[in-house]
C-alpha atoms as a PDB file:
ATOM      1  CA  MET A   1     114.434  75.354 106.820  1.00  0.00           C
ATOM      2  CA  LYS A   2     112.602  78.751 107.394  1.00  0.00           C
ATOM      3  CA  PRO A   3     111.018  78.788 103.597  1.00  0.00           C
ATOM      4  CA  LYS A   4     109.724  75.572 104.458  1.00  0.00           C
ATOM      5  CA  LYS A   5     108.272  76.878 107.758  1.00  0.00           C
ATOM      6  CA  SER A   6     106.646  79.857 105.846  1.00  0.00           C
ATOM      7  CA  PHE A   7     105.221  77.684 103.423  1.00  0.00           C
ATOM      8  CA  ASN A   8     103.907  75.149 105.961  1.00  0.00           C
ATOM      9  CA  ASP A   9     102.369  78.131 108.203  1.00  0.00           C
ATOM     10  CA  ARG A  10     100.633  79.650 105.169  1.00  0.00           C
ATOM     11  CA  LEU A  11      99.247  76.609 103.935  1.00  0.00           C
ATOM     12  CA  GLU A  12      97.878  75.831 107.480  1.00  0.00           C
ATOM     13  CA  ASN A  13      96.084  79.589 107.539  1.00  0.00           C
ATOM     14  CA  ILE A  14      94.562  79.307 104.106  1.00  0.00           C
ATOM     15  CA  ASN A  15      90.613  79.587 103.979  1.00  0.00           C
ATOM     16  CA  TRP A  16      90.210  77.746 100.589  1.00  0.00           C
ATOM     17  CA  GLU A  17      86.415  78.999 100.124  1.00  0.00           C
ATOM     18  CA  ILE A  18      87.766  82.922  99.582  1.00  0.00           C
ATOM     19  CA  TYR A  19      91.635  82.603  98.728  1.00  0.00           C
ATOM     20  CA  TYR A  20      90.853  82.673  95.042  1.00  0.00           C
ATOM     21  CA  LYS A  21      89.197  86.215  95.503  1.00  0.00           C
ATOM     22  CA  ASP A  22      92.279  87.619  97.186  1.00  0.00           C
ATOM     23  CA  LEU A  23      95.679  88.378  95.369  1.00  0.00           C
ATOM     24  CA  PRO A  24      96.811  84.451  95.627  1.00  0.00           C
ATOM     25  CA  PHE A  25      99.806  85.094  93.691  1.00  0.00           C
ATOM     26  CA  ASN A  26     101.018  87.833  95.308  1.00  0.00           C
ATOM     27  CA  GLN A  27     103.807  86.131  97.160  1.00  0.00           C
ATOM     28  CA  SER A  28     105.300  84.374  94.179  1.00  0.00           C
ATOM     29  CA  ALA A  29     105.167  87.615  92.206  1.00  0.00           C
ATOM     30  CA  LEU A  30     107.239  88.911  94.660  1.00  0.00           C
ATOM     31  CA  SER A  31     109.507  85.866  95.047  1.00  0.00           C
ATOM     32  CA  LEU A  32     109.900  86.334  91.261  1.00  0.00           C
ATOM     33  CA  TYR A  33     110.946  90.078  91.261  1.00  0.00           C
ATOM     34  CA  LYS A  34     113.335  89.199  94.410  1.00  0.00           C
ATOM     35  CA  TRP A  35     115.290  86.478  92.468  1.00  0.00           C
ATOM     36  CA  ALA A  36     115.415  87.327  89.068  1.00  0.00           C
ATOM     37  CA  PRO A  37     118.993  87.646  87.799  1.00  0.00           C
ATOM     38  CA  ILE A  38     118.871  91.324  86.810  1.00  0.00           C
ATOM     39  CA  ALA A  39     121.171  93.548  89.243  1.00  0.00           C
ATOM     40  CA  ASP A  40     119.490  95.213  91.885  1.00  0.00           C
ATOM     41  CA  GLU A  41     119.829  98.803  90.583  1.00  0.00           C
ATOM     42  CA  LEU A  42     118.323  97.660  87.203  1.00  0.00           C
ATOM     43  CA  LYS A  43     115.011  96.350  89.246  1.00  0.00           C
ATOM     44  CA  THR A  44     113.717  99.731  90.431  1.00  0.00           C
ATOM     45  CA  LEU A  45     110.442  99.783  87.938  1.00  0.00           C
ATOM     46  CA  ASP A  46     109.869  95.745  87.541  1.00  0.00           C
ATOM     47  CA  ARG A  47     108.350  95.379  90.813  1.00  0.00           C
ATOM     48  CA  LYS A  48     105.178  97.365  89.901  1.00  0.00           C
ATOM     49  CA  ILE A  49     105.274  95.773  86.566  1.00  0.00           C
ATOM     50  CA  VAL A  50     105.698  92.014  87.990  1.00  0.00           C
ATOM     51  CA  LEU A  51     102.909  92.676  90.080  1.00  0.00           C
ATOM     52  CA  ASN A  52     100.458  94.095  88.221  1.00  0.00           C
ATOM     53  CA  SER A  53     100.842  91.736  85.355  1.00  0.00           C
ATOM     54  CA  MET A  54      99.911  88.892  88.114  1.00  0.00           C
ATOM     55  CA  ILE A  55      97.319  90.990  89.165  1.00  0.00           C
ATOM     56  CA  LEU A  56      95.696  91.533  85.658  1.00  0.00           C
ATOM     57  CA  LYS A  57      96.205  87.662  84.793  1.00  0.00           C
ATOM     58  CA  TRP A  58      94.387  86.730  87.910  1.00  0.00           C
ATOM     59  CA  ASP A  59      91.570  89.003  87.196  1.00  0.00           C
ATOM     60  CA  VAL A  60      91.233  87.244  83.668  1.00  0.00           C
ATOM     61  CA  ILE A  61      91.245  84.059  85.119  1.00  0.00           C
ATOM     62  CA  LYS A  62      88.293  85.415  88.376  1.00  0.00           C
ATOM     63  CA  LYS A  63      86.187  86.554  85.312  1.00  0.00           C
ATOM     64  CA  ARG A  64      85.637  83.081  83.769  1.00  0.00           C
ATOM     65  CA  ILE A  65      84.973  81.473  87.914  1.00  0.00           C
END
C-alpha cells in the first residue's frame, strides 16, 4: 500500500505547468536502478549511468518543446 500512497501523493502535488522543466523521470530512473535484476555489488557504477542517461534523453525532448 505504501507505493500506491507515495504515487498518489506525488500525483496530487505535481505542478503540471513546470513539471517537465525539472527532472520528471528521475524517480523512474532510480526505480529502474533499484529493481534491475543484477547483483548489488555489480551496480556500483550503474546508478550514475542510469540517471545521466535519463537526463540526457529528456534534454533531447525538452529542446523540441
